[in-house]
Protein backbone atom coordinates (compact mmCIF):
# COMPACT_ATOMS: atom_id res chain seq x y z
CA MET A 1 -19.38 43.36 -28.05
CA TYR A 2 -19.47 41.74 -24.37
CA GLU A 3 -17.64 38.38 -25.16
CA ILE A 4 -16.21 37.98 -22.35
CA GLU A 5 -19.26 38.35 -19.86
CA ASN A 6 -21.64 36.25 -21.93
CA ILE A 7 -18.19 33.17 -21.66
CA PHE A 8 -18.65 33.94 -18.21
CA ALA A 9 -22.32 34.05 -17.58
CA ALA A 10 -21.99 37.18 -16.04
CA PRO A 11 -24.45 40.12 -15.91
CA ILE A 12 -23.81 42.93 -18.10
CA ASP A 13 -24.01 46.35 -17.47
CA VAL A 14 -25.47 48.75 -19.49
CA ASP A 15 -24.17 52.10 -18.64
CA GLY A 16 -24.71 51.81 -15.14
CA ILE A 17 -28.72 52.30 -16.20
CA CYS A 18 -29.47 48.61 -15.86
CA VAL A 19 -28.64 44.70 -16.12
CA VAL A 20 -28.85 42.46 -18.14
CA LYS A 21 -28.87 39.38 -16.58
CA PRO A 22 -27.42 35.75 -18.46
CA ILE A 23 -30.97 33.14 -19.18
CA LEU A 24 -29.70 29.49 -17.16
CA LEU A 25 -30.71 26.48 -18.34
CA SER A 26 -31.71 25.76 -15.17
CA GLU A 27 -34.38 27.95 -15.33
CA PHE A 28 -36.27 25.32 -18.01
CA LYS A 29 -35.92 22.64 -15.35
CA ARG A 30 -38.37 23.75 -13.09
CA PRO A 31 -42.45 23.45 -13.42
CA GLY A 32 -43.65 25.09 -15.95
CA ALA A 33 -40.81 24.80 -18.01
CA THR A 34 -42.11 24.60 -21.15
CA GLU A 35 -44.17 27.62 -21.44
CA LYS A 36 -41.59 29.85 -20.03
CA TYR A 37 -39.27 28.80 -22.99
CA GLN A 38 -42.02 29.45 -24.97
CA LYS A 39 -42.50 33.12 -24.23
CA TYR A 40 -38.62 32.96 -24.27
CA ARG A 41 -38.36 32.05 -28.15
CA GLN A 42 -41.29 35.05 -28.32
CA TYR A 43 -39.59 38.00 -26.14
CA LEU A 44 -36.35 37.35 -28.28
CA SER A 45 -38.53 37.59 -31.20
CA ILE A 46 -40.04 40.64 -30.51
CA LEU A 47 -36.86 42.18 -29.06
CA ALA A 48 -35.29 41.10 -32.71
CA MET A 49 -37.63 42.72 -34.33
CA SER A 50 -35.99 45.86 -36.86
CA SER A 51 -38.13 48.50 -37.75
CA GLU A 52 -39.67 47.24 -40.94
CA ASP A 53 -40.72 43.89 -39.26
CA ILE A 54 -42.63 45.88 -36.47
CA LEU A 55 -44.60 47.91 -39.25
CA GLU A 56 -45.14 44.53 -41.14
CA MET A 57 -47.02 43.50 -37.91
CA PHE A 58 -49.09 46.76 -37.72
CA LYS A 59 -50.27 46.65 -40.95
CA GLU A 60 -51.17 42.95 -41.06
CA ASN A 61 -53.29 43.44 -37.56
CA LYS A 62 -54.66 46.56 -39.80
CA ILE A 63 -53.67 49.05 -37.46
CA ILE A 64 -52.04 51.23 -40.20
CA SER A 65 -52.83 50.64 -43.81
CA ASP A 66 -49.67 51.07 -45.46
CA TYR A 67 -46.44 52.83 -45.22
CA ASP A 68 -43.36 54.72 -46.90
CA LYS A 69 -40.43 51.67 -47.34
CA SER A 70 -38.13 54.25 -47.76
CA ALA A 71 -38.51 56.10 -44.58
CA VAL A 72 -38.15 53.00 -42.36
CA SER A 73 -35.37 54.56 -40.97
CA GLN A 74 -36.88 57.06 -39.54
CA PHE A 75 -38.96 54.85 -37.24
CA SER A 76 -37.04 53.30 -34.48
CA GLN A 77 -38.10 49.98 -32.77
CA PHE A 78 -38.12 51.52 -29.16
CA ASP A 79 -40.87 54.45 -31.03
CA LEU A 80 -42.94 52.57 -32.70
CA PHE A 81 -43.40 49.65 -29.56
CA THR A 82 -44.44 52.25 -27.22
CA SER A 83 -46.73 54.11 -29.37
CA ILE A 84 -49.31 51.53 -29.16
CA PRO A 85 -50.38 50.37 -25.89
CA TYR A 86 -51.00 46.72 -26.35
CA PHE A 87 -47.22 46.37 -27.76
CA ARG A 88 -45.40 48.53 -25.05
CA GLU A 89 -47.18 46.14 -22.97
CA LEU A 90 -45.68 43.27 -24.66
CA PHE A 91 -42.36 45.00 -25.22
CA HIS A 92 -42.48 45.97 -21.35
CA GLU A 93 -42.69 42.48 -20.65
CA ALA A 94 -39.68 40.88 -23.02
CA LEU A 95 -37.58 43.18 -21.90
CA SER A 96 -38.84 42.76 -18.15
CA PHE A 97 -37.57 39.32 -18.75
CA PHE A 98 -34.16 40.06 -19.26
CA VAL A 99 -33.45 43.00 -17.15
CA VAL A 100 -32.94 42.44 -13.71
CA GLU A 101 -34.99 45.59 -12.35
CA GLU A 102 -38.27 45.98 -12.26
CA LEU A 103 -39.41 48.91 -14.84
CA SER A 104 -42.33 50.99 -14.98
CA TRP A 105 -43.64 53.48 -18.13
CA SER A 106 -44.20 56.62 -17.75
CA ASP A 107 -46.31 58.18 -19.93
CA THR A 108 -45.04 61.76 -19.07
CA ILE A 109 -41.21 61.43 -20.31
CA LYS A 110 -42.04 58.85 -23.05
CA SER A 111 -39.39 56.48 -21.15
CA PHE A 112 -39.65 52.80 -18.64
CA LEU A 113 -38.21 54.08 -14.96
CA VAL A 114 -35.36 51.38 -13.81
CA SER A 115 -36.40 50.87 -10.34
CA GLY A 116 -33.94 51.41 -7.53
CA LYS A 117 -32.00 53.94 -9.75
CA ASP A 118 -31.71 57.49 -9.57
CA LEU A 119 -34.73 59.63 -11.81
CA GLY A 120 -32.04 60.12 -14.44
CA ALA A 121 -31.63 56.49 -15.13
CA VAL A 122 -34.02 55.56 -17.49
CA VAL A 123 -34.49 52.89 -20.95
CA ASN A 124 -35.35 55.56 -23.50
CA GLY A 125 -34.87 55.11 -27.59
CA ASP A 126 -30.93 55.46 -27.01
CA VAL A 127 -30.43 53.01 -24.05
CA TYR A 128 -32.92 50.34 -25.54
CA LYS A 129 -30.62 49.67 -28.91
CA LYS A 130 -27.71 49.04 -26.80
CA VAL A 131 -30.18 46.92 -23.69
CA ARG A 132 -31.06 45.06 -26.74
CA ARG A 133 -27.31 44.63 -27.89
CA ALA A 134 -26.98 42.95 -24.37
CA ILE A 135 -29.80 41.28 -24.46
CA LEU A 136 -29.53 39.22 -27.89
CA GLU A 137 -25.69 38.83 -27.89
CA SER A 138 -26.33 36.74 -24.49
CA ASN A 139 -28.59 34.26 -26.21
CA TYR A 140 -26.08 33.87 -29.23
CA ILE A 141 -28.11 36.47 -31.59
CA ASN A 142 -25.25 38.99 -33.20
CA ILE A 143 -26.31 42.00 -34.23
CA GLU A 144 -23.85 44.47 -36.36
CA ASP A 145 -24.21 47.59 -34.98
CA GLU A 146 -27.33 49.49 -32.38
CA THR A 147 -29.38 50.23 -35.39
CA SER A 148 -29.31 47.12 -37.54
CA GLU A 149 -31.97 44.80 -37.44
CA ALA A 150 -30.78 41.30 -35.79
CA LYS A 151 -29.19 38.23 -37.42
CA VAL A 152 -28.01 34.91 -36.02
CA ALA A 153 -24.68 34.53 -35.33
CA ASN A 154 -24.64 31.22 -36.56
CA SER A 155 -27.24 29.27 -38.59
CA ARG A 156 -27.54 26.50 -36.11
CA ALA A 157 -28.84 29.03 -33.52
CA LYS A 158 -31.72 30.40 -36.04
CA SER A 159 -34.24 27.53 -33.99
CA ILE A 160 -34.39 30.49 -30.99
CA LEU A 161 -36.00 33.07 -33.31
CA GLU A 162 -39.18 31.76 -34.56
CA LYS A 163 -41.08 34.50 -36.29
CA LEU A 164 -40.20 37.89 -37.99
CA ALA A 165 -42.91 39.95 -39.78
CA ALA A 166 -45.01 39.11 -42.47
CA GLY A 167 -42.99 39.52 -45.41
CA ARG A 168 -40.77 37.30 -43.28
CA LYS A 169 -41.87 34.36 -41.82
CA LYS A 170 -41.97 31.81 -44.48
CA LYS A 171 -37.91 32.17 -44.69
CA ALA A 172 -37.75 32.63 -40.41
CA VAL A 173 -39.37 29.31 -40.97
CA ALA A 174 -37.67 27.74 -43.54
CA GLN A 175 -34.56 28.28 -41.68
CA ALA A 176 -35.62 26.85 -37.88
CA SER A 177 -36.77 23.77 -39.41
CA LYS A 178 -33.62 22.65 -40.20
CA SER A 179 -32.22 23.55 -36.96
CA PRO A 180 -32.00 21.17 -33.86
CA PRO A 181 -34.54 22.04 -30.95
CA LEU A 182 -33.11 23.23 -27.76
CA ASP A 183 -33.32 19.71 -26.09
CA SER A 184 -31.66 17.93 -28.85
CA ILE A 185 -28.50 20.30 -28.65
CA ILE A 186 -28.56 19.81 -24.69
CA SER A 187 -28.90 15.69 -24.95
CA SER A 188 -25.57 16.73 -27.62
CA VAL A 189 -23.71 18.56 -25.96
CA CYS A 190 -23.71 15.81 -23.21
CA THR A 191 -23.51 13.25 -25.07
CA TYR A 192 -20.16 14.13 -26.59
CA SER A 193 -18.97 16.55 -23.99
CA ASN A 194 -16.58 15.25 -22.16
CA GLY A 195 -17.82 17.48 -18.49
CA TYR A 196 -21.61 18.62 -19.23
CA THR A 197 -24.62 15.28 -18.05
CA LEU A 198 -27.84 16.38 -17.91
CA LEU A 199 -26.91 16.40 -13.87
CA ASN A 200 -24.74 19.77 -14.30
CA ILE A 201 -25.84 21.18 -17.95
CA GLY A 202 -28.52 23.19 -16.25
CA ASP A 203 -25.62 25.07 -14.83
CA LEU A 204 -24.87 26.10 -18.59
CA SER A 205 -25.46 29.66 -19.61
CA VAL A 206 -28.14 29.81 -23.01
CA TYR A 207 -25.19 31.46 -24.47
CA GLN A 208 -22.77 29.09 -22.90
CA LEU A 209 -25.02 26.02 -24.11
CA PHE A 210 -24.38 27.35 -28.23
CA ASP A 211 -20.79 28.06 -28.01
CA GLN A 212 -20.04 24.79 -26.64
CA PHE A 213 -22.78 23.17 -28.87
CA MET A 214 -20.84 24.86 -32.17
CA ARG A 215 -16.93 24.42 -30.61
CA LEU A 216 -18.01 20.38 -30.83
CA GLY A 217 -19.27 21.12 -34.51
CA SER A 218 -16.24 22.66 -34.80
CA LYS A 219 -14.05 19.76 -33.46
CA VAL A 220 -15.79 16.65 -35.64
CA GLN A 221 -14.93 18.71 -38.89
CA LEU A 222 -11.24 19.44 -37.82
CA ASP A 223 -11.09 15.90 -36.84
CA THR A 224 -12.28 14.72 -39.81
CA PHE A 225 -10.29 16.82 -41.57
CA SER A 226 -6.72 16.00 -39.31
CA LEU A 227 -7.55 12.01 -40.20
CA ARG A 228 -7.96 13.08 -44.36
CA TRP A 229 -4.65 15.39 -43.58
CA ALA A 230 -2.56 12.81 -41.94
CA ALA A 231 -3.63 9.75 -44.30
CA TRP A 232 -2.48 11.89 -47.50
CA GLY A 233 -1.07 15.13 -46.18
CA LYS A 234 -2.02 16.83 -49.78
CA ASP A 235 -4.38 19.22 -49.08
CA PRO A 236 -3.68 22.62 -47.46
CA PHE A 237 -4.42 22.19 -43.93
CA ASP A 238 -4.68 25.16 -41.21
CA PHE A 239 -3.71 24.45 -38.35
CA THR A 240 -5.20 27.08 -36.35
CA LEU A 241 -8.49 26.00 -37.41
CA TRP A 242 -9.07 24.73 -33.81
CA TYR A 243 -9.35 28.31 -31.85
CA LYS A 244 -11.17 30.07 -35.18
CA ASN A 245 -14.16 32.32 -34.49
CA LEU A 246 -17.29 30.43 -35.06
CA LYS A 247 -18.85 33.58 -35.94
CA GLY A 248 -17.19 34.87 -38.33
CA GLU A 249 -16.82 38.34 -36.58
CA ASN A 250 -12.94 40.06 -36.54
């Protein structure tokens, strides 16, 4: 949905209500970078949670005893997170990390007020769906629609999601363990790309880094297929592979 903004690392305006900023790699070059990167991954994990993930987390923390899984669709992520003060504060921190404007919670209207905007500019449940989509997509995480749970756009991007709720923890850890860490991705892109070095790669956003990483991987595969086809020329060869959409989207 925000492909053009993301490929150019441009801020995303969400209906004139708030702006989602791109996260640049240079933000992880400053003092305290490790702590900030850990928070970044934690906040993405929070925003990537589905309603079922959140309910499982509440159950694990004994906030609720159980819930009707057939009725999960009746609970929005926004309402669940903002219903408990502790989790609302954590949710607030996660949103504030990616949103340019200052957000403040209003108990009166059960929404986040956006500083510098008209009184009608608030982040409520409906607006949050759009903000969530913008944040996840700008960090190379794709969701099918505004109500679906988040899924990683490509298997190698799974490293930015550390944990989901109790029922998915083992699967999430297994997937993350197979993915290269961010420093390895940065090093690989610097080593094998024609223009990026450790001196200038900080100018890229997280989305741009993953996009270039995936393109380099695709190029290695394409070069291998090309050599094989040139040598034997027997197998069918798709000459459009070099510009295919690597996310598998239409």
